[in-house]
């Protein structure tokens, strides 16, 4: 059973770096576009990333925030080396 990978982003943000890494790995993902000041600060998203910033990914029970950490996680996961 595969885990769904969800990518939380905003098109005009530093999350473009994480999107690039997602595209490089070829991993399938669902995208959730958030708005600054509203949905990024909603209780639902703050439960995922308490800082209320993007990017963030959720892969099963694993949540990763910050571009460098997201890219490292995706690099390991995309090569089959696991989280």
C-alpha atoms as a PDB file:
ATOM      1  CA  UNK A   1       0.000   0.000   0.000  1.00  0.00           C
ATOM      2  CA  UNK A   2       1.587   3.280  -1.057  1.00  0.00           C
ATOM      3  CA  UNK A   3       1.390   6.434   1.008  1.00  0.00           C
ATOM      4  CA  UNK A   4       0.006   9.586  -0.577  1.00  0.00           C
ATOM      5  CA  UNK A   5       2.514  12.420  -0.812  1.00  0.00           C
ATOM      6  CA  UNK A   6       0.878  15.830  -0.349  1.00  0.00           C
ATOM      7  CA  UNK A   7       2.771  18.992  -1.276  1.00  0.00           C
ATOM      8  CA  UNK A   8       1.690  22.247   0.402  1.00  0.00           C
ATOM      9  CA  UNK A   9       2.728  25.282  -1.600  1.00  0.00           C
ATOM     10  CA  UNK A  10       2.086  28.760  -2.922  1.00  0.00           C
ATOM     11  CA  UNK A  11       3.071  29.575  -6.525  1.00  0.00           C
ATOM     12  CA  UNK A  12       5.007  32.727  -5.577  1.00  0.00           C
ATOM     13  CA  UNK A  13       7.124  31.343  -2.760  1.00  0.00           C
ATOM     14  CA  UNK A  14      10.333  29.480  -2.087  1.00  0.00           C
ATOM     15  CA  UNK A  15       8.328  26.272  -2.382  1.00  0.00           C
ATOM     16  CA  UNK A  16       9.322  26.324  -6.063  1.00  0.00           C
ATOM     17  CA  UNK A  17      12.549  24.627  -4.983  1.00  0.00           C
ATOM     18  CA  UNK A  18      10.635  21.722  -3.434  1.00  0.00           C
ATOM     19  CA  UNK A  19       8.433  21.514  -6.541  1.00  0.00           C
ATOM     20  CA  UNK A  20      11.554  21.211  -8.691  1.00  0.00           C
ATOM     21  CA  UNK A  21      12.764  18.325  -6.516  1.00  0.00           C
ATOM     22  CA  UNK A  22       9.361  16.628  -6.708  1.00  0.00           C
ATOM     23  CA  UNK A  23       9.451  16.845 -10.491  1.00  0.00           C
ATOM     24  CA  UNK A  24      13.036  15.537 -10.605  1.00  0.00           C
ATOM     25  CA  UNK A  25      12.174  12.476  -8.531  1.00  0.00           C
ATOM     26  CA  UNK A  26       9.057  11.682 -10.543  1.00  0.00           C
ATOM     27  CA  UNK A  27       7.182  10.766  -7.382  1.00  0.00           C
ATOM     28  CA  UNK A  28       3.405  11.136  -7.682  1.00  0.00           C
ATOM     29  CA  UNK A  29       1.972  13.831  -5.435  1.00  0.00           C
ATOM     30  CA  UNK A  30      -1.121  15.835  -4.653  1.00  0.00           C
ATOM     31  CA  UNK A  31      -0.763  19.605  -4.501  1.00  0.00           C
ATOM     32  CA  UNK A  32      -2.478  21.895  -2.013  1.00  0.00           C
ATOM     33  CA  UNK A  33      -2.125  25.596  -2.835  1.00  0.00           C
ATOM     34  CA  UNK A  34      -2.348  27.828   0.216  1.00  0.00           C
ATOM     35  CA  UNK A  35      -2.789  31.597   0.478  1.00  0.00           C
ATOM     36  CA  UNK A  36      -0.548  33.807   2.579  1.00  0.00           C
ATOM     37  CA  UNK A  37      -2.232  35.041   5.745  1.00  0.00           C
ATOM     38  CA  UNK A  38      -5.382  32.946   5.370  1.00  0.00           C
ATOM     39  CA  UNK A  39      -5.127  29.226   4.659  1.00  0.00           C
ATOM     40  CA  UNK A  40      -1.440  29.159   5.689  1.00  0.00           C
ATOM     41  CA  UNK A  41      -2.545  30.373   9.113  1.00  0.00           C
ATOM     42  CA  UNK A  42      -5.621  28.163   9.388  1.00  0.00           C
ATOM     43  CA  UNK A  43      -5.816  25.690  12.279  1.00  0.00           C
ATOM     44  CA  UNK A  44      -5.813  22.765   9.819  1.00  0.00           C
ATOM     45  CA  UNK A  45      -2.527  23.833   8.204  1.00  0.00           C
ATOM     46  CA  UNK A  46      -0.933  24.945  11.492  1.00  0.00           C
ATOM     47  CA  UNK A  47      -1.462  21.364  12.681  1.00  0.00           C
ATOM     48  CA  UNK A  48       0.790  20.304   9.772  1.00  0.00           C
ATOM     49  CA  UNK A  49       3.322  23.150   9.987  1.00  0.00           C
ATOM     50  CA  UNK A  50       3.064  25.237  13.168  1.00  0.00           C
ATOM     51  CA  UNK A  51       5.159  27.989  11.538  1.00  0.00           C
ATOM     52  CA  UNK A  52       2.429  28.510   8.927  1.00  0.00           C
ATOM     53  CA  UNK A  53       4.888  28.575   6.026  1.00  0.00           C
ATOM     54  CA  UNK A  54       5.444  26.639   2.819  1.00  0.00           C
ATOM     55  CA  UNK A  55       6.769  24.330   1.597  1.00  0.00           C
ATOM     56  CA  UNK A  56       5.674  21.327   3.555  1.00  0.00           C
ATOM     57  CA  UNK A  57       5.038  17.758   2.538  1.00  0.00           C
ATOM     58  CA  UNK A  58       3.033  15.051   4.219  1.00  0.00           C
ATOM     59  CA  UNK A  59       3.843  11.470   3.233  1.00  0.00           C
ATOM     60  CA  UNK A  60       1.766   9.054   5.235  1.00  0.00           C
ATOM     61  CA  UNK A  61       2.450   9.945   8.872  1.00  0.00           C
ATOM     62  CA  UNK A  62       5.653  11.843   8.043  1.00  0.00           C
ATOM     63  CA  UNK A  63       5.609  15.645   7.791  1.00  0.00           C
ATOM     64  CA  UNK A  64       8.653  17.541   6.522  1.00  0.00           C
ATOM     65  CA  UNK A  65       9.017  21.318   6.347  1.00  0.00           C
ATOM     66  CA  UNK A  66      11.749  23.678   5.061  1.00  0.00           C
ATOM     67  CA  UNK A  67      13.177  23.338   1.550  1.00  0.00           C
ATOM     68  CA  UNK A  68      16.468  21.653   2.434  1.00  0.00           C
ATOM     69  CA  UNK A  69      14.784  18.997   4.559  1.00  0.00           C
ATOM     70  CA  UNK A  70      12.059  18.433   1.951  1.00  0.00           C
ATOM     71  CA  UNK A  71      14.665  18.014  -0.806  1.00  0.00           C
ATOM     72  CA  UNK A  72      16.729  15.594   1.292  1.00  0.00           C
ATOM     73  CA  UNK A  73      13.637  13.541   2.144  1.00  0.00           C
ATOM     74  CA  UNK A  74      12.483  13.450  -1.473  1.00  0.00           C
ATOM     75  CA  UNK A  75      15.961  12.491  -2.650  1.00  0.00           C
ATOM     76  CA  UNK A  76      16.026   9.479  -0.328  1.00  0.00           C
ATOM     77  CA  UNK A  77      12.419   8.513  -1.023  1.00  0.00           C
ATOM     78  CA  UNK A  78      12.717   8.980  -4.794  1.00  0.00           C
ATOM     79  CA  UNK A  79      15.701   6.636  -4.969  1.00  0.00           C
ATOM     80  CA  UNK A  80      13.929   3.926  -3.004  1.00  0.00           C
ATOM     81  CA  UNK A  81      16.182   4.381   0.048  1.00  0.00           C
ATOM     82  CA  UNK A  82      13.203   5.197   2.254  1.00  0.00           C
ATOM     83  CA  UNK A  83      12.567   8.178   4.535  1.00  0.00           C
END
